[in-house]
């Protein structure tokens, strides 16, 4: 089968490679020529007559394909996705299939579906999980959109997904509902992922702190290996933690700064709209926000209030004025000052 692929980042490149390895003709497009050269080395193609001496545009990719055309867009959510979808749709015909495989907000997907279905296109959303390991083991695919569009793209979806097994004979993909449903399921999937990761992080930090509190010097890497054998908390995430801790269980080369890519926020917002309590997912998102603060003004307010109403001790930050020493809290004699520590200087703990 033939498919156009827009976006050759880590996910897009691996997905195109996996499909090429399974006999599909993948016509690739990317903004940078170096990525296209890499894609061709991995089995993907660009239209005949295209070379480094001529601008290669999305129109060339679309027009080189046979109807019904299938174009998969794999770029960051938001405006980049809108731009690439529009660029492809401008040269597609009724009956063609346009797929957004990125982590888009399902409400944006619903809006786009209305727009592109008005052009006669089958607009599909494919929530895609598997990360950089998908090339080898396959991708879990949560697909939304019209039945006819799914029928056209199912051979591609089937080959991207993990192989069927005795327990899962249907394979690692499912048409979960109409437009937006695929991205909705992927959003909740990622919200759950936030909670799972936070639970592991907290557990390992408790284990690590036991060295000072109880004189238990745990082999954290060894515990990940232990738990991955028969334990009820074994998982692929725990296997990744095992890999991460193999050479340095203190993770000293990693800052305690955690980004989020949007799906956790959208899951929390959706839970509010549905009046569904989601405290674990919400708190795991908030923990990521806290990780990005070099210092917490809110915590300073808390400390100041405790000092004012109860005379409780506070730790006084080192003065920023040259030549001045830290000043102890007069209401709490003996309190040791605690210099502020920049985020960039602080290794991750647990």
Protein backbone atom coordinates (compact mmCIF):
# COMPACT_ATOMS: atom_id res chain seq x y z
CA UNK A 1 0.00 0.00 0.00
CA UNK A 2 1.10 3.59 -0.58
CA UNK A 3 1.13 6.36 2.04
CA UNK A 4 2.46 9.89 2.23
CA UNK A 5 4.22 10.73 5.50
CA UNK A 6 4.72 14.31 6.66
CA UNK A 7 7.08 14.71 9.60
CA UNK A 8 10.25 12.69 10.14
CA UNK A 9 10.95 13.19 13.82
CA UNK A 10 11.75 10.23 16.06
CA UNK A 11 8.24 8.79 15.86
CA UNK A 12 7.59 9.61 12.21
CA UNK A 13 10.92 8.24 11.00
CA UNK A 14 10.46 4.97 12.88
CA UNK A 15 6.88 4.55 11.71
CA UNK A 16 7.87 5.12 8.09
CA UNK A 17 10.71 2.65 8.49
CA UNK A 18 8.45 -0.02 10.00
CA UNK A 19 5.93 0.32 7.17
CA UNK A 20 8.67 0.26 4.53
CA UNK A 21 10.08 -2.91 6.06
CA UNK A 22 6.64 -4.48 5.64
CA UNK A 23 6.40 -3.73 1.96
CA UNK A 24 4.49 -0.44 1.88
CA UNK A 25 5.58 2.42 -0.37
CA UNK A 26 6.10 5.41 1.93
CA UNK A 27 6.47 8.75 0.18
CA UNK A 28 8.19 10.98 2.73
CA UNK A 29 8.23 14.74 3.19
CA UNK A 30 10.09 16.84 5.75
CA UNK A 31 11.19 20.45 5.99
CA UNK A 32 14.87 19.48 6.13
CA UNK A 33 16.68 17.66 3.35
CA UNK A 34 18.94 15.73 5.76
CA UNK A 35 15.94 13.91 7.21
CA UNK A 36 14.73 13.00 3.74
CA UNK A 37 18.12 11.57 2.88
CA UNK A 38 18.01 9.49 6.06
CA UNK A 39 14.47 8.34 5.24
CA UNK A 40 15.52 7.16 1.78
CA UNK A 41 18.37 5.18 3.29
CA UNK A 42 15.76 3.47 5.48
CA UNK A 43 13.55 2.46 2.56
CA UNK A 44 11.23 5.43 2.08
CA UNK A 45 10.98 7.31 -1.21
CA UNK A 46 10.38 10.74 -2.66
CA UNK A 47 8.72 11.33 -6.06
CA UNK A 48 10.76 10.63 -9.15
CA UNK A 49 12.58 13.68 -10.43
CA UNK A 50 13.05 15.21 -6.98
CA UNK A 51 16.59 15.95 -5.89
CA UNK A 52 18.58 18.26 -3.70
CA UNK A 53 18.80 20.87 -6.46
CA UNK A 54 15.04 21.56 -6.49
CA UNK A 55 12.57 22.55 -3.81
CA UNK A 56 10.45 19.57 -2.85
CA UNK A 57 7.01 20.65 -1.61
CA UNK A 58 4.02 18.79 -0.18
CA UNK A 59 2.12 19.30 -3.43
CA UNK A 60 4.76 17.18 -5.22
CA UNK A 61 4.30 14.38 -2.70
CA UNK A 62 0.50 14.35 -2.93
CA UNK A 63 0.36 14.54 -6.72
CA UNK A 64 2.82 11.66 -7.09
CA UNK A 65 0.43 9.25 -5.32
CA UNK A 66 -2.44 7.16 -6.66
CA UNK A 67 -6.05 7.68 -5.52
CA UNK A 68 -7.38 7.11 -2.99
CA UNK A 69 -4.40 8.85 -1.44
CA UNK A 70 -3.49 8.39 2.21
CA UNK A 71 -1.44 11.09 3.94
CA UNK A 72 -0.30 10.73 7.55
CA UNK A 73 0.80 13.88 9.41
CA UNK A 74 3.16 13.31 12.36
CA UNK A 75 4.17 16.71 13.73
CA UNK A 76 3.79 18.53 17.09
CA UNK A 77 0.25 19.35 18.22
CA UNK A 78 -1.25 22.77 17.66
CA UNK A 79 -0.44 25.16 14.83
CA UNK A 80 2.21 22.92 13.20
CA UNK A 81 -0.44 20.21 12.80
CA UNK A 82 -2.97 22.68 11.35
CA UNK A 83 -0.37 24.00 8.90
CA UNK A 84 0.68 20.56 7.62
CA UNK A 85 -2.88 19.23 7.40
CA UNK A 86 -3.94 22.29 5.41
CA UNK A 87 -0.92 22.00 3.12
CA UNK A 88 -1.77 18.38 2.30
CA UNK A 89 -5.55 18.82 2.07
CA UNK A 90 -5.14 21.63 -0.46
CA UNK A 91 -3.99 19.06 -3.05
CA UNK A 92 -6.11 16.06 -2.06
CA UNK A 93 -9.37 14.90 -3.65
CA UNK A 94 -12.71 13.64 -2.32
CA UNK A 95 -12.32 10.07 -1.09
CA UNK A 96 -8.70 10.55 0.01
CA UNK A 97 -7.72 9.91 3.63
CA UNK A 98 -5.96 12.46 5.83
CA UNK A 99 -4.61 11.22 9.19
CA UNK A 100 -3.42 13.15 12.23
CA UNK A 101 -1.19 10.75 14.18
CA UNK A 102 0.16 13.27 16.67
CA UNK A 103 -0.96 14.07 20.21
CA UNK A 104 -3.68 16.54 19.28
CA UNK A 105 -6.43 17.75 21.62
CA UNK A 106 -9.59 15.86 20.72
CA UNK A 107 -11.61 19.09 20.45
CA UNK A 108 -9.17 20.34 17.81
CA UNK A 109 -9.66 17.02 16.02
CA UNK A 110 -13.44 17.45 16.03
CA UNK A 111 -13.01 20.93 14.54
CA UNK A 112 -10.66 19.65 11.86
CA UNK A 113 -12.96 16.76 11.02
CA UNK A 114 -15.79 19.15 10.25
CA UNK A 115 -13.46 21.20 8.05
CA UNK A 116 -11.94 18.37 6.02
CA UNK A 117 -15.07 16.27 5.72
CA UNK A 118 -16.57 19.33 4.03
CA UNK A 119 -13.92 18.82 1.34
CA UNK A 120 -14.98 15.19 0.91
CA UNK A 121 -11.92 13.81 2.73
CA UNK A 122 -11.96 11.01 5.28
CA UNK A 123 -10.27 12.63 8.26
CA UNK A 124 -8.87 10.14 10.78
CA UNK A 125 -7.20 10.61 14.14
CA UNK A 126 -4.71 8.00 15.32
CA UNK A 127 -3.62 8.11 18.94
CA UNK A 128 -0.18 6.52 18.75
CA UNK A 129 1.70 5.01 21.69
CA UNK A 130 4.98 3.15 21.67
CA UNK A 131 7.62 5.85 21.65
CA UNK A 132 11.04 5.08 20.25
CA UNK A 133 10.48 1.34 20.82
CA UNK A 134 7.62 1.15 18.34
CA UNK A 135 9.92 0.40 15.40
CA UNK A 136 10.83 -2.92 17.00
CA UNK A 137 7.72 -3.97 18.95
CA UNK A 138 4.98 -2.04 17.15
CA UNK A 139 2.67 0.83 18.07
CA UNK A 140 -0.55 0.75 20.05
CA UNK A 141 -2.99 2.60 17.79
CA UNK A 142 -6.27 4.16 18.93
CA UNK A 143 -8.09 5.24 15.79
CA UNK A 144 -11.03 7.58 15.42
CA UNK A 145 -12.94 8.62 12.30
CA UNK A 146 -15.43 7.36 9.73
CA UNK A 147 -15.76 3.65 8.98
CA UNK A 148 -14.88 4.05 5.30
CA UNK A 149 -11.65 5.84 6.13
CA UNK A 150 -10.69 3.13 8.60
CA UNK A 151 -11.38 0.43 6.03
CA UNK A 152 -8.94 2.10 3.62
CA UNK A 153 -6.11 2.54 6.12
CA UNK A 154 -6.49 -0.70 8.12
CA UNK A 155 -3.68 -2.52 6.24
CA UNK A 156 -1.30 0.26 7.28
CA UNK A 157 -2.58 0.34 10.85
CA UNK A 158 -2.28 -3.45 11.11
CA UNK A 159 1.37 -3.38 10.06
CA UNK A 160 2.24 -0.53 12.41
CA UNK A 161 0.72 -2.34 15.39
CA UNK A 162 2.24 -5.20 17.39
CA UNK A 163 1.76 -8.67 15.95
CA UNK A 164 -1.36 -10.59 17.04
CA UNK A 165 -0.81 -13.08 19.85
CA UNK A 166 -2.74 -15.95 21.38
CA UNK A 167 -4.12 -13.63 24.06
CA UNK A 168 -4.62 -10.65 21.73
CA UNK A 169 -5.53 -12.13 18.33
CA UNK A 170 -6.94 -8.78 17.17
CA UNK A 171 -3.51 -7.14 17.27
CA UNK A 172 -2.53 -3.85 18.89
CA UNK A 173 -5.00 -1.51 17.21
CA UNK A 174 -8.67 -0.62 17.43
CA UNK A 175 -11.17 1.66 15.72
CA UNK A 176 -12.52 3.21 18.92
CA UNK A 177 -15.16 5.59 17.56
CA UNK A 178 -15.94 8.63 15.40
CA UNK A 179 -13.73 11.66 14.81
CA UNK A 180 -11.83 12.72 17.92
CA UNK A 181 -12.36 9.40 19.72
CA UNK A 182 -8.85 8.17 18.97
CA UNK A 183 -7.24 11.27 20.41
CA UNK A 184 -9.64 11.20 23.38
CA UNK A 185 -8.59 7.64 24.28
CA UNK A 186 -4.91 8.57 23.80
CA UNK A 187 -5.38 11.63 26.04
CA UNK A 188 -6.73 9.51 28.90
CA UNK A 189 -4.00 6.91 28.23
CA UNK A 190 -1.37 9.61 28.78
CA UNK A 191 -3.14 10.93 31.87
CA UNK A 192 -2.94 7.43 33.37
CA UNK A 193 0.72 7.33 32.36
CA UNK A 194 1.34 10.52 34.39
CA UNK A 195 -0.13 8.89 37.49
CA UNK A 196 1.82 5.64 37.06
CA UNK A 197 5.11 7.46 36.55
CA UNK A 198 4.52 9.68 39.58
CA UNK A 199 3.78 6.67 41.79
CA UNK A 200 7.04 4.99 40.73
CA UNK A 201 8.95 8.25 41.27
CA UNK A 202 7.58 8.73 44.78
CA UNK A 203 8.19 5.10 45.74
CA UNK A 204 11.82 5.18 44.66
CA UNK A 205 12.43 8.46 46.44
CA UNK A 206 11.08 6.93 49.67
CA UNK A 207 13.42 3.97 49.18
CA UNK A 208 16.38 6.26 48.53
CA UNK A 209 15.68 8.45 51.58
CA UNK A 210 15.69 5.36 53.82
CA UNK A 211 19.50 5.47 53.75
CA UNK A 212 19.58 8.59 55.96
CA UNK A 213 16.47 7.83 58.01
CA UNK A 214 16.81 4.12 58.71
CA UNK A 215 20.32 3.26 57.49
CA UNK A 216 18.92 1.11 54.66
CA UNK A 217 21.26 1.55 51.71
CA UNK A 218 19.04 0.00 49.06
CA UNK A 219 20.24 -1.16 45.66
CA UNK A 220 17.53 0.66 43.71
CA UNK A 221 18.53 -0.83 40.38
CA UNK A 222 18.40 -4.27 41.94
CA UNK A 223 14.92 -3.56 43.28
CA UNK A 224 13.68 -2.61 39.81
CA UNK A 225 14.98 -5.96 38.55
CA UNK A 226 13.37 -7.76 41.46
CA UNK A 227 9.98 -6.12 41.01
CA UNK A 228 9.99 -6.89 37.29
CA UNK A 229 9.90 -10.60 38.09
CA UNK A 230 6.43 -11.71 39.16
CA UNK A 231 5.52 -8.59 41.16
CA UNK A 232 2.08 -7.00 40.77
CA UNK A 233 3.79 -3.66 40.03
CA UNK A 234 5.93 -5.03 37.19
CA UNK A 235 5.47 -3.11 33.94
CA UNK A 236 7.20 -1.76 30.87
CA UNK A 237 7.66 1.57 32.67
CA UNK A 238 9.45 -0.27 35.47
CA UNK A 239 11.64 -2.00 32.88
CA UNK A 240 12.56 1.46 31.56
CA UNK A 241 13.37 2.56 35.12
CA UNK A 242 15.61 -0.51 35.39
CA UNK A 243 17.43 0.55 32.22
CA UNK A 244 17.76 4.16 33.42
CA UNK A 245 19.27 3.15 36.78
CA UNK A 246 21.59 0.46 35.44
CA UNK A 247 24.77 2.56 35.44
CA UNK A 248 23.83 5.30 37.92
CA UNK A 249 20.91 4.73 40.28
CA UNK A 250 21.26 8.33 41.55
CA UNK A 251 20.50 9.62 38.03
CA UNK A 252 23.08 12.31 38.72
CA UNK A 253 23.21 13.45 35.10
CA UNK A 254 19.51 14.36 35.02
CA UNK A 255 17.94 17.52 36.44
CA UNK A 256 14.79 17.28 38.53
CA UNK A 257 12.83 19.19 35.89
CA UNK A 258 9.85 17.49 34.24
CA UNK A 259 7.98 18.85 31.23
CA UNK A 260 4.49 17.92 30.09
CA UNK A 261 3.25 17.72 26.51
CA UNK A 262 -0.39 18.66 27.12
CA UNK A 263 -2.34 15.43 27.41
CA UNK A 264 -2.26 15.42 31.23
CA UNK A 265 -3.69 18.95 31.32
CA UNK A 266 -6.41 18.00 28.84
CA UNK A 267 -7.29 14.91 30.88
CA UNK A 268 -7.70 17.02 34.01
CA UNK A 269 -9.79 19.62 32.15
CA UNK A 270 -11.99 16.87 30.73
CA UNK A 271 -12.50 15.33 34.16
CA UNK A 272 -13.74 18.72 35.38
CA UNK A 273 -16.12 19.02 32.42
CA UNK A 274 -17.45 15.53 33.14
CA UNK A 275 -17.62 16.03 36.95
CA UNK A 276 -15.36 13.00 37.34
CA UNK A 277 -12.85 13.08 40.24
CA UNK A 278 -9.28 12.45 39.08
CA UNK A 279 -7.05 13.34 42.05
CA UNK A 280 -4.09 11.12 41.15
CA UNK A 281 -3.76 12.38 37.57
CA UNK A 282 -4.28 15.97 38.75
CA UNK A 283 -1.62 15.77 41.47
CA UNK A 284 0.86 14.07 39.14
CA UNK A 285 0.47 17.00 36.74
CA UNK A 286 0.92 19.49 39.59
CA UNK A 287 4.09 17.67 40.68
CA UNK A 288 5.56 18.38 37.24
CA UNK A 289 4.78 22.07 37.63
CA UNK A 290 6.58 22.12 41.00
CA UNK A 291 9.65 20.44 39.47
CA UNK A 292 10.16 23.43 37.17
CA UNK A 293 10.47 25.97 39.98
CA UNK A 294 13.99 26.90 41.05
CA UNK A 295 12.27 27.95 44.26
CA UNK A 296 8.63 28.10 45.33
CA UNK A 297 7.16 31.46 46.21
CA UNK A 298 4.10 29.65 47.53
CA UNK A 299 6.28 27.68 49.94
CA UNK A 300 7.88 30.94 51.08
CA UNK A 301 4.40 32.31 51.84
CA UNK A 302 3.59 29.19 53.85
CA UNK A 303 6.83 29.46 55.84
CA UNK A 304 6.26 33.17 56.46
CA UNK A 305 2.71 32.61 57.69
CA UNK A 306 3.82 29.86 60.12
CA UNK A 307 6.48 32.22 61.46
CA UNK A 308 4.00 35.09 61.87
CA UNK A 309 1.15 33.25 63.55
CA UNK A 310 3.12 30.77 65.62
CA UNK A 311 6.70 31.90 65.80
CA UNK A 312 7.79 28.77 63.95
CA UNK A 313 11.35 28.55 62.70
CA UNK A 314 12.15 29.39 59.09
CA UNK A 315 15.31 28.84 57.10
CA UNK A 316 16.70 32.14 55.85
CA UNK A 317 18.06 32.28 52.31
CA UNK A 318 21.57 33.50 51.68
CA UNK A 319 21.63 37.20 50.94
CA UNK A 320 22.02 38.20 47.32
CA UNK A 321 24.01 41.28 48.31
CA UNK A 322 27.77 40.81 48.06
CA UNK A 323 29.63 40.49 51.33
CA UNK A 324 26.63 39.82 53.56
CA UNK A 325 26.22 36.62 55.52
CA UNK A 326 22.95 34.73 56.04
CA UNK A 327 20.86 36.13 58.89
CA UNK A 328 19.17 33.74 61.27
CA UNK A 329 15.50 34.10 62.14
CA UNK A 330 15.34 36.10 65.38
CA UNK A 331 12.20 34.24 66.41
CA UNK A 332 13.90 30.88 66.13
CA UNK A 333 17.45 30.97 67.56
CA UNK A 334 19.75 28.37 66.17
CA UNK A 335 17.95 27.90 62.87
CA UNK A 336 20.46 27.06 60.17
CA UNK A 337 20.27 29.08 56.96
CA UNK A 338 19.41 27.20 53.79
CA UNK A 339 21.01 28.70 50.69
CA UNK A 340 18.86 28.79 47.60
CA UNK A 341 19.91 26.15 45.10
CA UNK A 342 19.46 26.79 41.39
CA UNK A 343 17.54 24.13 39.47
CA UNK A 344 20.45 23.61 37.10
CA UNK A 345 22.79 22.68 39.97
CA UNK A 346 20.54 20.13 41.61
CA UNK A 347 20.63 16.43 40.68
CA UNK A 348 17.44 14.41 40.54
CA UNK A 349 16.50 12.49 43.68
CA UNK A 350 14.61 9.26 43.19
